[in-house]
N, C-alpha and C. Protein backbone atom coordinates (compact mmCIF):
# COMPACT_ATOMS: atom_id res chain seq x y z
N MET A 1 124.06 100.22 94.00
CA MET A 1 122.66 100.56 93.73
C MET A 1 122.22 99.93 92.41
N ASN A 2 121.02 99.41 92.35
CA ASN A 2 120.50 98.73 91.17
C ASN A 2 120.41 99.68 89.98
N LYS A 3 121.03 99.30 88.87
CA LYS A 3 121.02 100.13 87.68
C LYS A 3 119.65 100.17 87.02
N GLN A 4 118.76 99.28 87.42
CA GLN A 4 117.41 99.26 86.86
C GLN A 4 116.52 100.34 87.47
N ILE A 5 116.98 100.98 88.53
CA ILE A 5 116.21 102.05 89.18
C ILE A 5 116.48 103.37 88.47
N HIS A 6 115.45 104.12 88.18
CA HIS A 6 115.56 105.36 87.42
C HIS A 6 116.46 106.37 88.13
N LYS A 7 117.20 107.13 87.34
CA LYS A 7 118.17 108.08 87.89
C LYS A 7 117.52 109.14 88.78
N ASP A 8 116.24 109.46 88.54
CA ASP A 8 115.56 110.45 89.38
C ASP A 8 115.09 109.86 90.71
N VAL A 9 115.10 108.53 90.79
CA VAL A 9 114.65 107.85 92.01
C VAL A 9 115.83 107.57 92.94
N LEU A 10 116.99 107.31 92.37
CA LEU A 10 118.16 106.95 93.17
C LEU A 10 118.48 107.94 94.29
N PRO A 11 118.51 109.26 94.03
CA PRO A 11 118.83 110.20 95.12
C PRO A 11 117.81 110.15 96.26
N GLN A 12 116.56 109.88 95.93
CA GLN A 12 115.54 109.80 96.97
C GLN A 12 115.79 108.60 97.87
N LEU A 13 116.17 107.48 97.27
CA LEU A 13 116.45 106.27 98.06
C LEU A 13 117.67 106.45 98.93
N GLU A 14 118.65 107.17 98.42
CA GLU A 14 119.89 107.39 99.19
C GLU A 14 119.63 108.20 100.46
N LYS A 15 118.61 109.06 100.42
CA LYS A 15 118.30 109.90 101.58
C LYS A 15 117.43 109.18 102.61
N LEU A 16 116.81 108.09 102.20
CA LEU A 16 115.84 107.41 103.06
C LEU A 16 116.54 106.55 104.12
N GLU A 17 116.14 106.71 105.35
CA GLU A 17 116.68 105.91 106.44
C GLU A 17 115.62 104.95 106.94
N LEU A 18 115.90 103.65 106.85
CA LEU A 18 114.95 102.62 107.28
C LEU A 18 115.56 101.80 108.41
N ALA A 19 114.68 101.33 109.30
CA ALA A 19 115.12 100.43 110.37
C ALA A 19 115.14 99.00 109.84
N ILE A 20 116.23 98.28 110.06
CA ILE A 20 116.32 96.91 109.56
C ILE A 20 115.58 95.92 110.45
N ASP A 21 115.20 96.35 111.66
CA ASP A 21 114.58 95.44 112.62
C ASP A 21 113.10 95.74 112.83
N LYS A 22 112.43 96.26 111.78
CA LYS A 22 111.02 96.61 111.90
C LYS A 22 110.31 96.29 110.59
N PRO A 23 109.09 95.72 110.63
CA PRO A 23 108.34 95.46 109.40
C PRO A 23 108.16 96.75 108.59
N ILE A 24 107.90 96.60 107.30
CA ILE A 24 107.73 97.76 106.43
C ILE A 24 106.46 97.60 105.59
N ILE A 25 105.74 98.71 105.44
CA ILE A 25 104.57 98.80 104.58
C ILE A 25 104.90 99.79 103.48
N ILE A 26 104.88 99.33 102.25
CA ILE A 26 105.15 100.18 101.08
C ILE A 26 103.83 100.37 100.35
N THR A 27 103.31 101.58 100.36
CA THR A 27 101.99 101.81 99.81
C THR A 27 102.01 102.81 98.66
N ASP A 28 101.23 102.50 97.64
CA ASP A 28 100.98 103.43 96.54
C ASP A 28 100.15 104.59 97.09
N ALA A 29 99.98 105.63 96.27
CA ALA A 29 99.18 106.79 96.69
C ALA A 29 97.86 106.89 95.92
N ASP A 30 97.93 107.02 94.59
CA ASP A 30 96.71 107.21 93.79
C ASP A 30 95.85 105.95 93.80
N GLU A 31 94.59 106.12 94.17
CA GLU A 31 93.60 105.05 94.33
C GLU A 31 93.94 104.09 95.47
N VAL A 32 94.86 104.50 96.34
CA VAL A 32 95.15 103.76 97.57
C VAL A 32 95.04 104.70 98.76
N LEU A 33 95.75 105.81 98.70
CA LEU A 33 95.66 106.84 99.74
C LEU A 33 94.83 108.04 99.30
N PHE A 34 94.81 108.29 97.99
CA PHE A 34 94.06 109.42 97.44
C PHE A 34 93.05 108.95 96.39
N ASN A 35 91.93 109.66 96.33
CA ASN A 35 90.90 109.37 95.32
C ASN A 35 91.28 110.05 94.00
N PHE A 36 92.17 109.37 93.27
CA PHE A 36 92.70 109.91 92.01
C PHE A 36 91.58 110.17 91.00
N MET A 37 90.70 109.19 90.80
CA MET A 37 89.69 109.33 89.76
C MET A 37 88.69 110.43 90.07
N LYS A 38 88.32 110.60 91.33
CA LYS A 38 87.41 111.68 91.69
C LYS A 38 88.05 113.03 91.40
N GLY A 39 89.32 113.16 91.70
CA GLY A 39 90.02 114.39 91.38
C GLY A 39 90.14 114.60 89.89
N LEU A 40 90.45 113.53 89.15
CA LEU A 40 90.57 113.63 87.70
C LEU A 40 89.24 114.02 87.07
N GLU A 41 88.15 113.46 87.56
CA GLU A 41 86.84 113.80 87.01
C GLU A 41 86.53 115.29 87.21
N GLN A 42 86.90 115.83 88.36
CA GLN A 42 86.68 117.26 88.60
C GLN A 42 87.53 118.08 87.65
N TYR A 43 88.77 117.67 87.46
CA TYR A 43 89.66 118.38 86.53
C TYR A 43 89.11 118.33 85.11
N LEU A 44 88.66 117.15 84.68
CA LEU A 44 88.11 117.02 83.32
C LEU A 44 86.86 117.88 83.15
N GLU A 45 86.05 117.94 84.19
CA GLU A 45 84.86 118.79 84.15
C GLU A 45 85.25 120.24 83.88
N ASP A 46 86.29 120.70 84.52
CA ASP A 46 86.76 122.07 84.32
C ASP A 46 87.28 122.30 82.90
N GLN A 47 87.69 121.19 82.24
CA GLN A 47 88.23 121.29 80.88
C GLN A 47 87.18 120.94 79.82
N GLU A 48 85.92 120.84 80.21
CA GLU A 48 84.83 120.45 79.30
C GLU A 48 85.06 119.06 78.72
N MET A 49 85.54 118.16 79.59
CA MET A 49 85.75 116.76 79.22
C MET A 49 85.08 115.88 80.27
N PHE A 50 85.08 114.57 80.03
CA PHE A 50 84.55 113.62 81.00
C PHE A 50 85.23 112.27 80.81
N PHE A 51 85.10 111.40 81.83
CA PHE A 51 85.66 110.05 81.76
C PHE A 51 84.52 109.09 81.47
N ASP A 52 84.70 108.23 80.46
CA ASP A 52 83.62 107.40 79.95
C ASP A 52 83.35 106.14 80.77
N TRP A 53 84.34 105.63 81.50
CA TRP A 53 84.21 104.43 82.33
C TRP A 53 83.94 103.17 81.52
N ALA A 54 84.34 103.15 80.25
CA ALA A 54 84.17 101.94 79.46
C ALA A 54 85.20 100.88 79.81
N SER A 55 86.34 101.32 80.36
CA SER A 55 87.38 100.38 80.75
C SER A 55 88.26 101.03 81.81
N PHE A 56 89.29 100.30 82.23
CA PHE A 56 90.23 100.76 83.25
C PHE A 56 91.20 101.81 82.70
N ALA A 57 91.41 101.79 81.38
CA ALA A 57 92.45 102.62 80.77
C ALA A 57 92.03 104.08 80.62
N LEU A 58 93.01 104.98 80.68
CA LEU A 58 92.74 106.38 80.40
C LEU A 58 92.55 106.60 78.90
N SER A 59 93.37 105.91 78.10
CA SER A 59 93.27 106.06 76.65
C SER A 59 91.91 105.61 76.14
N GLY A 60 91.24 106.47 75.40
CA GLY A 60 89.93 106.15 74.84
C GLY A 60 88.76 106.51 75.72
N ASN A 61 89.03 106.75 77.00
CA ASN A 61 87.94 107.05 77.94
C ASN A 61 87.84 108.52 78.32
N ILE A 62 88.85 109.31 78.02
CA ILE A 62 88.78 110.75 78.26
C ILE A 62 88.21 111.39 77.00
N ARG A 63 87.02 111.96 77.13
CA ARG A 63 86.29 112.44 75.95
C ARG A 63 85.90 113.91 76.10
N HIS A 64 85.75 114.56 74.95
CA HIS A 64 85.25 115.93 74.91
C HIS A 64 83.73 115.92 75.09
N LYS A 65 83.23 116.82 75.90
CA LYS A 65 81.78 116.91 76.08
C LYS A 65 81.06 117.32 74.79
N LYS A 66 81.69 118.21 74.03
CA LYS A 66 81.00 118.82 72.89
C LYS A 66 80.63 117.82 71.80
N ASP A 67 81.48 116.80 71.59
CA ASP A 67 81.19 115.85 70.52
C ASP A 67 81.33 114.39 70.96
N GLN A 68 81.59 114.15 72.26
CA GLN A 68 81.72 112.80 72.82
C GLN A 68 82.93 112.03 72.30
N GLN A 69 83.81 112.70 71.57
CA GLN A 69 84.96 112.02 70.98
C GLN A 69 86.12 111.94 71.97
N PRO A 70 86.86 110.81 71.96
CA PRO A 70 88.02 110.71 72.85
C PRO A 70 89.13 111.65 72.42
N ILE A 71 89.87 112.16 73.39
CA ILE A 71 91.01 113.00 73.03
C ILE A 71 92.11 112.12 72.44
N ALA A 72 92.96 112.70 71.63
CA ALA A 72 94.04 111.95 71.02
C ALA A 72 94.96 111.37 72.09
N GLN A 73 95.39 110.14 71.88
CA GLN A 73 96.21 109.45 72.87
C GLN A 73 97.49 110.22 73.19
N ASP A 74 98.07 110.89 72.17
CA ASP A 74 99.32 111.60 72.41
C ASP A 74 99.15 112.87 73.23
N LEU A 75 97.89 113.25 73.51
CA LEU A 75 97.63 114.41 74.35
C LEU A 75 97.49 114.04 75.84
N ILE A 76 97.35 112.76 76.11
CA ILE A 76 97.10 112.32 77.50
C ILE A 76 98.27 112.65 78.43
N PRO A 77 99.52 112.41 78.04
CA PRO A 77 100.62 112.76 78.97
C PRO A 77 100.61 114.23 79.37
N GLU A 78 100.35 115.12 78.41
CA GLU A 78 100.32 116.55 78.74
C GLU A 78 99.15 116.86 79.66
N LEU A 79 98.00 116.24 79.40
CA LEU A 79 96.82 116.45 80.25
C LEU A 79 97.10 115.99 81.68
N LEU A 80 97.72 114.82 81.82
CA LEU A 80 98.04 114.31 83.16
C LEU A 80 99.06 115.18 83.86
N ASP A 81 100.00 115.72 83.10
CA ASP A 81 100.99 116.62 83.70
C ASP A 81 100.30 117.85 84.29
N ARG A 82 99.38 118.43 83.53
CA ARG A 82 98.65 119.60 84.04
C ARG A 82 97.79 119.22 85.24
N PHE A 83 97.20 118.03 85.19
CA PHE A 83 96.38 117.57 86.30
C PHE A 83 97.21 117.45 87.58
N PHE A 84 98.36 116.81 87.50
CA PHE A 84 99.21 116.69 88.69
C PHE A 84 99.66 118.05 89.19
N ASN A 85 99.95 118.95 88.28
CA ASN A 85 100.36 120.28 88.69
C ASN A 85 99.26 120.97 89.50
N ASP A 86 98.01 120.78 89.08
CA ASP A 86 96.89 121.45 89.73
C ASP A 86 96.34 120.70 90.94
N TYR A 87 96.49 119.36 90.95
CA TYR A 87 95.77 118.56 91.94
C TYR A 87 96.64 117.70 92.85
N ALA A 88 97.94 117.61 92.61
CA ALA A 88 98.76 116.68 93.39
C ALA A 88 98.73 116.98 94.88
N ASP A 89 98.50 118.23 95.25
CA ASP A 89 98.48 118.58 96.68
C ASP A 89 97.08 118.75 97.23
N ARG A 90 96.05 118.42 96.44
CA ARG A 90 94.68 118.62 96.95
C ARG A 90 93.70 117.53 96.54
N LEU A 91 94.20 116.35 96.22
CA LEU A 91 93.31 115.24 95.98
C LEU A 91 92.66 114.81 97.30
N PRO A 92 91.38 114.40 97.27
CA PRO A 92 90.75 113.94 98.50
C PRO A 92 91.35 112.62 98.96
N ALA A 93 91.51 112.47 100.27
CA ALA A 93 92.07 111.25 100.83
C ALA A 93 91.03 110.14 100.86
N VAL A 94 91.49 108.91 100.70
CA VAL A 94 90.62 107.74 100.77
C VAL A 94 90.17 107.53 102.21
N ASP A 95 88.91 107.22 102.39
CA ASP A 95 88.36 107.00 103.72
C ASP A 95 89.15 105.92 104.47
N GLY A 96 89.56 106.25 105.67
CA GLY A 96 90.21 105.28 106.54
C GLY A 96 91.69 105.13 106.35
N ALA A 97 92.25 105.66 105.26
CA ALA A 97 93.68 105.43 104.98
C ALA A 97 94.57 106.01 106.08
N ALA A 98 94.36 107.27 106.41
CA ALA A 98 95.23 107.92 107.40
C ALA A 98 95.12 107.25 108.76
N ASP A 99 93.90 106.93 109.19
CA ASP A 99 93.71 106.31 110.51
C ASP A 99 94.33 104.93 110.57
N SER A 100 94.13 104.12 109.52
CA SER A 100 94.71 102.78 109.51
C SER A 100 96.22 102.83 109.51
N LEU A 101 96.80 103.70 108.70
CA LEU A 101 98.26 103.80 108.66
C LEU A 101 98.83 104.29 109.99
N GLU A 102 98.12 105.19 110.63
CA GLU A 102 98.59 105.67 111.94
C GLU A 102 98.67 104.53 112.94
N ARG A 103 97.66 103.67 112.95
CA ARG A 103 97.67 102.53 113.86
C ARG A 103 98.74 101.52 113.46
N LEU A 104 98.84 101.25 112.17
CA LEU A 104 99.83 100.29 111.70
C LEU A 104 101.26 100.78 111.93
N SER A 105 101.45 102.09 111.88
CA SER A 105 102.80 102.65 112.02
C SER A 105 103.37 102.47 113.42
N LYS A 106 102.55 102.04 114.37
CA LYS A 106 103.06 101.75 115.71
C LYS A 106 103.91 100.48 115.71
N ASP A 107 103.65 99.60 114.74
CA ASP A 107 104.37 98.34 114.66
C ASP A 107 105.20 98.19 113.39
N ALA A 108 105.02 99.09 112.44
CA ALA A 108 105.72 98.97 111.15
C ALA A 108 106.09 100.36 110.64
N GLN A 109 107.16 100.41 109.86
CA GLN A 109 107.52 101.67 109.19
C GLN A 109 106.77 101.74 107.86
N VAL A 110 106.42 102.95 107.47
CA VAL A 110 105.59 103.17 106.27
C VAL A 110 106.37 104.02 105.28
N VAL A 111 106.34 103.61 104.02
CA VAL A 111 106.92 104.38 102.92
C VAL A 111 105.86 104.50 101.83
N VAL A 112 105.67 105.70 101.30
CA VAL A 112 104.75 105.90 100.18
C VAL A 112 105.57 105.86 98.90
N LEU A 113 105.24 104.90 98.03
CA LEU A 113 105.91 104.73 96.75
C LEU A 113 104.92 105.04 95.64
N SER A 114 105.01 106.25 95.11
CA SER A 114 104.02 106.77 94.17
C SER A 114 104.66 107.10 92.83
N ASN A 115 103.93 106.82 91.75
CA ASN A 115 104.43 107.19 90.43
C ASN A 115 103.98 108.60 90.03
N VAL A 116 103.84 109.46 91.02
CA VAL A 116 103.67 110.88 90.73
C VAL A 116 104.96 111.37 90.06
N PRO A 117 104.88 112.20 89.03
CA PRO A 117 106.12 112.71 88.42
C PRO A 117 107.01 113.35 89.48
N PRO A 118 108.30 113.03 89.49
CA PRO A 118 109.19 113.56 90.53
C PRO A 118 109.14 115.07 90.68
N LYS A 119 108.88 115.81 89.59
CA LYS A 119 108.83 117.27 89.72
C LYS A 119 107.65 117.74 90.55
N TYR A 120 106.68 116.84 90.80
CA TYR A 120 105.54 117.19 91.64
C TYR A 120 105.59 116.48 92.99
N ALA A 121 106.76 115.95 93.34
CA ALA A 121 106.89 115.23 94.61
C ALA A 121 106.56 116.11 95.81
N GLU A 122 107.00 117.37 95.78
CA GLU A 122 106.73 118.26 96.92
C GLU A 122 105.24 118.50 97.09
N LYS A 123 104.52 118.60 95.98
CA LYS A 123 103.06 118.78 96.07
C LYS A 123 102.40 117.51 96.59
N ARG A 124 102.86 116.36 96.14
CA ARG A 124 102.31 115.10 96.65
C ARG A 124 102.58 114.96 98.14
N LEU A 125 103.79 115.32 98.57
CA LEU A 125 104.13 115.26 99.99
C LEU A 125 103.26 116.21 100.80
N ALA A 126 102.99 117.40 100.25
CA ALA A 126 102.11 118.35 100.94
C ALA A 126 100.71 117.79 101.08
N GLY A 127 100.23 117.10 100.04
CA GLY A 127 98.91 116.47 100.11
C GLY A 127 98.85 115.40 101.18
N LEU A 128 99.90 114.60 101.28
CA LEU A 128 99.96 113.58 102.33
C LEU A 128 99.91 114.22 103.71
N GLN A 129 100.72 115.24 103.91
CA GLN A 129 100.82 115.86 105.23
C GLN A 129 99.53 116.57 105.61
N LYS A 130 98.87 117.19 104.65
CA LYS A 130 97.60 117.87 104.94
C LYS A 130 96.54 116.88 105.41
N ASN A 131 96.70 115.63 105.02
CA ASN A 131 95.72 114.60 105.40
C ASN A 131 96.23 113.69 106.51
N GLY A 132 97.24 114.16 107.23
CA GLY A 132 97.70 113.45 108.41
C GLY A 132 98.56 112.24 108.12
N MET A 133 99.14 112.17 106.94
CA MET A 133 99.99 111.02 106.58
C MET A 133 101.43 111.52 106.45
N HIS A 134 102.14 111.49 107.56
CA HIS A 134 103.49 112.05 107.64
C HIS A 134 104.52 110.94 107.46
N TYR A 135 104.61 110.46 106.22
CA TYR A 135 105.51 109.35 105.90
C TYR A 135 106.42 109.74 104.75
N PRO A 136 107.61 109.13 104.68
CA PRO A 136 108.51 109.45 103.57
C PRO A 136 107.89 109.05 102.23
N LEU A 137 108.18 109.86 101.22
CA LEU A 137 107.65 109.64 99.88
C LEU A 137 108.80 109.36 98.91
N ILE A 138 108.61 108.33 98.10
CA ILE A 138 109.49 108.09 96.96
C ILE A 138 108.66 108.32 95.70
N ALA A 139 109.04 109.33 94.91
CA ALA A 139 108.36 109.59 93.64
C ALA A 139 109.04 108.72 92.60
N ASN A 140 108.38 107.62 92.26
CA ASN A 140 108.97 106.60 91.41
C ASN A 140 108.74 106.88 89.93
N VAL A 141 109.57 106.24 89.11
CA VAL A 141 109.41 106.28 87.66
C VAL A 141 109.47 104.84 87.16
N GLY A 142 108.42 104.39 86.47
CA GLY A 142 108.41 103.03 85.93
C GLY A 142 107.86 102.00 86.89
N ALA A 143 108.06 100.73 86.54
CA ALA A 143 107.59 99.63 87.39
C ALA A 143 108.30 99.67 88.75
N LYS A 144 107.66 99.06 89.74
CA LYS A 144 108.11 99.27 91.12
C LYS A 144 108.94 98.14 91.72
N GLY A 145 109.13 97.04 91.00
CA GLY A 145 109.78 95.87 91.58
C GLY A 145 111.18 96.11 92.10
N HIS A 146 112.02 96.76 91.30
CA HIS A 146 113.41 96.97 91.72
C HIS A 146 113.49 97.90 92.93
N VAL A 147 112.62 98.89 92.99
CA VAL A 147 112.63 99.81 94.13
C VAL A 147 112.17 99.08 95.40
N VAL A 148 111.13 98.26 95.28
CA VAL A 148 110.66 97.49 96.44
C VAL A 148 111.75 96.53 96.91
N LYS A 149 112.45 95.91 95.98
CA LYS A 149 113.57 95.04 96.36
C LYS A 149 114.62 95.83 97.14
N HIS A 150 114.97 97.01 96.65
CA HIS A 150 115.95 97.84 97.33
C HIS A 150 115.47 98.20 98.74
N LEU A 151 114.21 98.54 98.89
CA LEU A 151 113.68 98.97 100.18
C LEU A 151 113.63 97.83 101.19
N THR A 152 113.50 96.60 100.71
CA THR A 152 113.25 95.47 101.63
C THR A 152 114.41 94.51 101.77
N ASP A 153 115.44 94.63 100.96
CA ASP A 153 116.52 93.65 100.94
C ASP A 153 117.18 93.43 102.30
N ASN A 154 117.34 94.49 103.07
CA ASN A 154 118.06 94.37 104.34
C ASN A 154 117.14 94.27 105.56
N ILE A 155 115.85 94.17 105.31
CA ILE A 155 114.88 94.12 106.41
C ILE A 155 114.47 92.67 106.65
N ASP A 156 114.81 92.16 107.81
CA ASP A 156 114.53 90.76 108.14
C ASP A 156 113.21 90.65 108.92
N HIS A 157 112.20 91.33 108.40
CA HIS A 157 110.87 91.32 109.00
C HIS A 157 109.84 91.37 107.88
N PRO A 158 108.57 91.09 108.17
CA PRO A 158 107.56 91.09 107.10
C PRO A 158 107.51 92.42 106.35
N ALA A 159 107.30 92.32 105.05
CA ALA A 159 107.18 93.50 104.18
C ALA A 159 105.88 93.38 103.39
N PHE A 160 105.20 94.51 103.25
CA PHE A 160 103.90 94.54 102.56
C PHE A 160 103.92 95.60 101.46
N PHE A 161 103.28 95.29 100.34
CA PHE A 161 103.19 96.20 99.21
C PHE A 161 101.72 96.35 98.85
N ILE A 162 101.24 97.61 98.79
CA ILE A 162 99.83 97.89 98.49
C ILE A 162 99.78 98.74 97.23
N ASP A 163 99.03 98.28 96.22
CA ASP A 163 98.99 99.01 94.95
C ASP A 163 97.71 98.62 94.20
N ASP A 164 97.26 99.53 93.32
CA ASP A 164 96.05 99.27 92.54
C ASP A 164 96.34 98.72 91.15
N ILE A 165 97.58 98.83 90.68
CA ILE A 165 97.91 98.49 89.31
C ILE A 165 98.48 97.07 89.22
N PRO A 166 97.86 96.18 88.44
CA PRO A 166 98.33 94.79 88.37
C PRO A 166 99.78 94.63 87.95
N HIS A 167 100.25 95.43 86.97
CA HIS A 167 101.63 95.21 86.51
C HIS A 167 102.66 95.58 87.58
N ASN A 168 102.28 96.44 88.53
CA ASN A 168 103.20 96.72 89.64
C ASN A 168 103.32 95.50 90.56
N HIS A 169 102.20 94.80 90.75
CA HIS A 169 102.27 93.55 91.53
C HIS A 169 103.13 92.52 90.81
N GLY A 170 103.00 92.47 89.48
CA GLY A 170 103.83 91.55 88.72
C GLY A 170 105.31 91.88 88.83
N SER A 171 105.63 93.16 88.80
CA SER A 171 107.02 93.60 88.92
C SER A 171 107.59 93.25 90.29
N VAL A 172 106.80 93.47 91.34
CA VAL A 172 107.27 93.14 92.69
C VAL A 172 107.39 91.63 92.85
N ALA A 173 106.45 90.88 92.28
CA ALA A 173 106.54 89.42 92.36
C ALA A 173 107.82 88.92 91.70
N LYS A 174 108.23 89.56 90.62
CA LYS A 174 109.42 89.14 89.89
C LYS A 174 110.70 89.49 90.62
N HIS A 175 110.75 90.69 91.22
CA HIS A 175 112.01 91.18 91.77
C HIS A 175 112.08 91.15 93.30
N ALA A 176 110.93 91.04 93.96
CA ALA A 176 110.91 91.03 95.44
C ALA A 176 109.79 90.10 95.90
N ASN A 177 109.93 88.84 95.53
CA ASN A 177 108.84 87.88 95.74
C ASN A 177 108.56 87.60 97.21
N HIS A 178 109.48 87.98 98.09
CA HIS A 178 109.28 87.77 99.53
C HIS A 178 108.27 88.75 100.13
N VAL A 179 107.88 89.77 99.38
CA VAL A 179 106.99 90.82 99.88
C VAL A 179 105.53 90.39 99.70
N THR A 180 104.72 90.59 100.73
CA THR A 180 103.28 90.30 100.64
C THR A 180 102.61 91.40 99.83
N ARG A 181 101.91 91.01 98.77
CA ARG A 181 101.34 91.96 97.81
C ARG A 181 99.83 92.03 97.96
N LEU A 182 99.34 93.23 98.32
CA LEU A 182 97.92 93.45 98.57
C LEU A 182 97.34 94.36 97.49
N HIS A 183 96.34 93.88 96.78
CA HIS A 183 95.73 94.62 95.67
C HIS A 183 94.52 95.37 96.20
N TYR A 184 94.53 96.68 96.03
CA TYR A 184 93.42 97.53 96.52
C TYR A 184 93.17 98.66 95.55
N ILE A 185 91.89 98.87 95.22
CA ILE A 185 91.46 99.96 94.35
C ILE A 185 90.37 100.71 95.09
N ALA A 186 90.62 101.95 95.46
CA ALA A 186 89.68 102.68 96.30
C ALA A 186 88.36 102.99 95.59
N ASP A 187 88.43 103.41 94.33
CA ASP A 187 87.22 103.78 93.60
C ASP A 187 86.44 102.53 93.21
N GLU A 188 85.21 102.41 93.71
CA GLU A 188 84.42 101.20 93.46
C GLU A 188 84.12 101.01 91.99
N ARG A 189 83.97 102.09 91.24
CA ARG A 189 83.70 101.98 89.81
C ARG A 189 84.91 101.38 89.09
N LEU A 190 86.08 101.83 89.47
CA LEU A 190 87.31 101.31 88.89
C LEU A 190 87.52 99.85 89.31
N ALA A 191 87.23 99.57 90.57
CA ALA A 191 87.41 98.22 91.09
C ALA A 191 86.55 97.21 90.34
N ARG A 192 85.34 97.61 89.95
CA ARG A 192 84.45 96.70 89.22
C ARG A 192 84.99 96.37 87.83
N LEU A 193 85.82 97.24 87.28
CA LEU A 193 86.35 97.03 85.94
C LEU A 193 87.58 96.12 85.91
N LEU A 194 88.11 95.83 87.08
CA LEU A 194 89.37 95.09 87.13
C LEU A 194 89.32 94.04 88.23
N GLY A 195 89.61 92.79 87.88
CA GLY A 195 89.64 91.73 88.87
C GLY A 195 90.92 91.76 89.68
N LYS A 196 91.07 90.78 90.54
CA LYS A 196 92.24 90.67 91.40
C LYS A 196 93.51 90.58 90.55
N ALA A 197 94.50 91.35 90.93
CA ALA A 197 95.79 91.27 90.25
C ALA A 197 96.36 89.87 90.39
N GLU A 198 96.72 89.28 89.26
CA GLU A 198 97.15 87.88 89.23
C GLU A 198 98.32 87.62 90.16
N ASP A 199 99.21 88.59 90.29
CA ASP A 199 100.42 88.39 91.09
C ASP A 199 100.31 88.92 92.51
N SER A 200 99.10 89.29 92.93
CA SER A 200 98.91 89.73 94.32
C SER A 200 98.55 88.53 95.19
N HIS A 201 98.78 88.67 96.48
CA HIS A 201 98.39 87.62 97.43
C HIS A 201 96.93 87.74 97.84
N ALA A 202 96.40 88.97 97.82
CA ALA A 202 95.02 89.18 98.25
C ALA A 202 94.45 90.43 97.60
N ARG A 203 93.17 90.39 97.29
CA ARG A 203 92.45 91.57 96.83
C ARG A 203 91.58 92.02 98.01
N LEU A 204 91.77 93.26 98.45
CA LEU A 204 91.05 93.79 99.59
C LEU A 204 90.26 95.01 99.17
N ASP A 205 89.17 95.29 99.90
CA ASP A 205 88.21 96.29 99.43
C ASP A 205 88.08 97.52 100.33
N SER A 206 88.87 97.61 101.38
CA SER A 206 88.81 98.78 102.25
C SER A 206 90.07 98.83 103.09
N TRP A 207 90.30 99.98 103.71
CA TRP A 207 91.46 100.08 104.59
C TRP A 207 91.26 99.29 105.87
N ASP A 208 90.02 99.08 106.28
CA ASP A 208 89.77 98.20 107.43
C ASP A 208 90.27 96.80 107.13
N GLU A 209 90.00 96.31 105.90
CA GLU A 209 90.45 94.97 105.52
C GLU A 209 91.97 94.91 105.40
N ILE A 210 92.57 95.97 104.85
CA ILE A 210 94.02 96.01 104.73
C ILE A 210 94.67 95.97 106.12
N GLU A 211 94.16 96.80 107.01
CA GLU A 211 94.71 96.86 108.37
C GLU A 211 94.59 95.51 109.07
N GLU A 212 93.45 94.88 108.94
CA GLU A 212 93.24 93.58 109.58
C GLU A 212 94.18 92.53 109.00
N HIS A 213 94.34 92.54 107.68
CA HIS A 213 95.22 91.56 107.03
C HIS A 213 96.66 91.73 107.51
N ILE A 214 97.14 92.95 107.57
CA ILE A 214 98.52 93.19 107.99
C ILE A 214 98.70 92.85 109.47
N LYS A 215 97.76 93.26 110.30
CA LYS A 215 97.88 92.96 111.73
C LYS A 215 97.86 91.45 111.98
N THR A 216 96.99 90.74 111.26
CA THR A 216 96.93 89.28 111.43
C THR A 216 98.25 88.64 111.03
N THR A 217 98.83 89.10 109.92
CA THR A 217 100.12 88.57 109.48
C THR A 217 101.22 88.85 110.51
N LEU A 218 101.25 90.06 111.02
CA LEU A 218 102.29 90.42 111.99
C LEU A 218 102.12 89.63 113.29
N ASN A 219 100.88 89.37 113.68
CA ASN A 219 100.64 88.64 114.92
C ASN A 219 101.09 87.19 114.83
N ARG A 220 101.18 86.67 113.61
CA ARG A 220 101.63 85.30 113.41
C ARG A 220 103.14 85.17 113.48
N CYS A 221 103.83 86.30 113.36
CA CYS A 221 105.30 86.25 113.31
C CYS A 221 105.93 86.16 114.71
C-alpha cells in the first residue's frame, strides 16, 4: 500500500472491492454531488456571519455581520468542523447528479472520494443515500492523486475523476495521469471565480455535460 496515503484512508481502501474489468468514475462530493456553498451560507447565517464572494478562498471571505470583518484564519478549521457536524448529512444535492450517476453506473462502477473529515464519513454516507446515491465512500485526507492511483492501477478500462478543486486535478495528473480529469463546480457563483483547472482535460458546467462526456468516451472504447 502506498505510504503517501493517509493512515485514516488506508483501512477504507482495504475494505473496498472493485471490479478490474469495468470502467470507474471517481467523483468528489462537495460542489460536485452536494451544494456545499449553499449549505455553508445557511450555516453562516445561523452564526450571524456571511460569505463575501470576493474570491474562491474561504480565508478572508467569511465575515461577521455586525462589523463586516473577516473571522480570524485560525478559526476557520473549527468553524468547518462544526459545519460538517451539522450539515454533512443534509446538504442539498446538485441537480441531476443522482440521475446521471444512476445511468452511468449501468456501465461503470462509481466511487465517491470526498475530503469530508473521516469522523463525519457516516454522516456524508447518509447524505448520499438519502439522495439516492448508493455508492462506496472514501473519506480522504489531503491531495487525491495517490488514492486515485491506488483505485485505478489494476483497472484496464477507462477511469474518470470529477472534482472542483484545481490542485486535486494537479495531484491526479502527477500520480495517475492515465485518468480522464473532469473539472466541475456546481455553484455558478463559485464557477465564475475560477477558470478551468490547468491539469483537467475538460471543464464542464452540468451533470448532463458530464454524463455525455463520459458516455461518448466509453462508446469510443
